[in-house]
Amino acid sequence: MKLISWAGTIASIIGAFLMAFGVVLTGYIFFAVGSVSWLFVGYTTRDNALMLLNGTFFVANIIGLYRAFVCC
């Protein structure tokens, strides 16, 4: 479990810096990986707050990817 939580943390940090530097597609992908990792951790530990937060982040990342590269 520690490996997944650290992978999620590192992916989210990388995603944040990529977005800050304007590398949008890769940034959203890293953010999505981070949120899915933390969503899995929340599910396995039955942490509803963690699941809600990262489920919401994942949906926001998917919407951002769609808006940036498909529709707009």
C-alpha atoms as a PDB file:
ATOM      1  CA  MET A   1       0.000   0.000   0.000  1.00  0.00           C
ATOM      2  CA  LYS A   2       2.867   2.386   0.767  1.00  0.00           C
ATOM      3  CA  LEU A   3       4.221   1.913  -2.756  1.00  0.00           C
ATOM      4  CA  ILE A   4       0.889   2.897  -4.318  1.00  0.00           C
ATOM      5  CA  SER A   5       0.468   5.917  -2.057  1.00  0.00           C
ATOM      6  CA  TRP A   6       4.002   7.106  -2.828  1.00  0.00           C
ATOM      7  CA  ALA A   7       3.459   6.543  -6.550  1.00  0.00           C
ATOM      8  CA  GLY A   8       0.272   8.614  -6.334  1.00  0.00           C
ATOM      9  CA  THR A   9       2.042  11.378  -4.452  1.00  0.00           C
ATOM     10  CA  ILE A  10       4.963  11.519  -6.890  1.00  0.00           C
ATOM     11  CA  ALA A  11       2.660  11.395  -9.931  1.00  0.00           C
ATOM     12  CA  SER A  12       0.564  14.251  -8.527  1.00  0.00           C
ATOM     13  CA  ILE A  13       3.625  16.397  -7.800  1.00  0.00           C
ATOM     14  CA  ILE A  14       4.995  15.793 -11.303  1.00  0.00           C
ATOM     15  CA  GLY A  15       1.567  16.602 -12.745  1.00  0.00           C
ATOM     16  CA  ALA A  16       1.456  19.880 -10.837  1.00  0.00           C
ATOM     17  CA  PHE A  17       4.833  21.014 -12.159  1.00  0.00           C
ATOM     18  CA  LEU A  18       4.054  19.911 -15.696  1.00  0.00           C
ATOM     19  CA  MET A  19       0.834  21.924 -15.642  1.00  0.00           C
ATOM     20  CA  ALA A  20       2.698  24.916 -14.180  1.00  0.00           C
ATOM     21  CA  PHE A  21       5.123  24.778 -17.104  1.00  0.00           C
ATOM     22  CA  GLY A  22       2.309  24.447 -19.644  1.00  0.00           C
ATOM     23  CA  VAL A  23       2.761  20.769 -20.501  1.00  0.00           C
ATOM     24  CA  VAL A  24      -0.964  20.206 -20.267  1.00  0.00           C
ATOM     25  CA  LEU A  25      -1.560  16.762 -21.773  1.00  0.00           C
ATOM     26  CA  THR A  26       1.186  15.043 -19.812  1.00  0.00           C
ATOM     27  CA  GLY A  27       0.291  17.013 -16.691  1.00  0.00           C
ATOM     28  CA  TYR A  28      -3.326  15.853 -16.791  1.00  0.00           C
ATOM     29  CA  ILE A  29      -2.176  12.270 -17.346  1.00  0.00           C
ATOM     30  CA  PHE A  30       0.114  12.398 -14.307  1.00  0.00           C
ATOM     31  CA  PHE A  31      -2.660  13.996 -12.247  1.00  0.00           C
ATOM     32  CA  ALA A  32      -5.061  11.241 -13.343  1.00  0.00           C
ATOM     33  CA  VAL A  33      -2.571   8.524 -12.376  1.00  0.00           C
ATOM     34  CA  GLY A  34      -2.084  10.188  -8.993  1.00  0.00           C
ATOM     35  CA  SER A  35      -5.788  10.478  -8.309  1.00  0.00           C
ATOM     36  CA  VAL A  36      -6.481   6.870  -9.347  1.00  0.00           C
ATOM     37  CA  SER A  37      -3.649   5.695  -7.085  1.00  0.00           C
ATOM     38  CA  TRP A  38      -5.070   7.585  -4.125  1.00  0.00           C
ATOM     39  CA  LEU A  39      -8.593   6.468  -4.993  1.00  0.00           C
ATOM     40  CA  PHE A  40      -7.361   2.866  -4.772  1.00  0.00           C
ATOM     41  CA  VAL A  41      -5.683   3.559  -1.418  1.00  0.00           C
ATOM     42  CA  GLY A  42      -8.894   5.113  -0.131  1.00  0.00           C
ATOM     43  CA  TYR A  43     -10.920   2.130  -1.317  1.00  0.00           C
ATOM     44  CA  THR A  44      -8.633  -0.464   0.250  1.00  0.00           C
ATOM     45  CA  THR A  45      -8.464   1.411   3.554  1.00  0.00           C
ATOM     46  CA  ARG A  46     -12.186   2.300   3.475  1.00  0.00           C
ATOM     47  CA  ASP A  47     -11.387   6.007   3.743  1.00  0.00           C
ATOM     48  CA  ASN A  48     -14.493   7.647   2.285  1.00  0.00           C
ATOM     49  CA  ALA A  49     -13.094  11.177   2.412  1.00  0.00           C
ATOM     50  CA  LEU A  50      -9.992  10.130   0.462  1.00  0.00           C
ATOM     51  CA  MET A  51     -12.135   8.304  -2.099  1.00  0.00           C
ATOM     52  CA  LEU A  52     -14.460  11.287  -2.568  1.00  0.00           C
ATOM     53  CA  LEU A  53     -11.601  13.748  -2.934  1.00  0.00           C
ATOM     54  CA  ASN A  54      -9.616  11.708  -5.431  1.00  0.00           C
ATOM     55  CA  GLY A  55     -12.671  10.485  -7.303  1.00  0.00           C
ATOM     56  CA  THR A  56     -13.567  14.149  -7.790  1.00  0.00           C
ATOM     57  CA  PHE A  57     -10.004  14.973  -8.854  1.00  0.00           C
ATOM     58  CA  PHE A  58     -10.087  12.115 -11.372  1.00  0.00           C
ATOM     59  CA  VAL A  59     -13.351  13.343 -12.909  1.00  0.00           C
ATOM     60  CA  ALA A  60     -11.946  16.895 -13.067  1.00  0.00           C
ATOM     61  CA  ASN A  61      -8.820  15.591 -14.806  1.00  0.00           C
ATOM     62  CA  ILE A  62     -10.871  13.702 -17.383  1.00  0.00           C
ATOM     63  CA  ILE A  63     -12.993  16.806 -18.036  1.00  0.00           C
ATOM     64  CA  GLY A  64      -9.815  18.880 -18.392  1.00  0.00           C
ATOM     65  CA  LEU A  65      -8.315  16.400 -20.862  1.00  0.00           C
ATOM     66  CA  TYR A  66     -11.520  16.365 -22.874  1.00  0.00           C
ATOM     67  CA  ARG A  67     -11.838  20.161 -22.951  1.00  0.00           C
ATOM     68  CA  ALA A  68      -8.199  20.702 -23.788  1.00  0.00           C
ATOM     69  CA  PHE A  69      -7.852  18.167 -26.557  1.00  0.00           C
ATOM     70  CA  VAL A  70     -11.231  17.094 -27.908  1.00  0.00           C
ATOM     71  CA  CYS A  71     -13.904  19.753 -27.762  1.00  0.00           C
ATOM     72  CA  CYS A  72     -12.347  23.174 -27.286  1.00  0.00           C
END
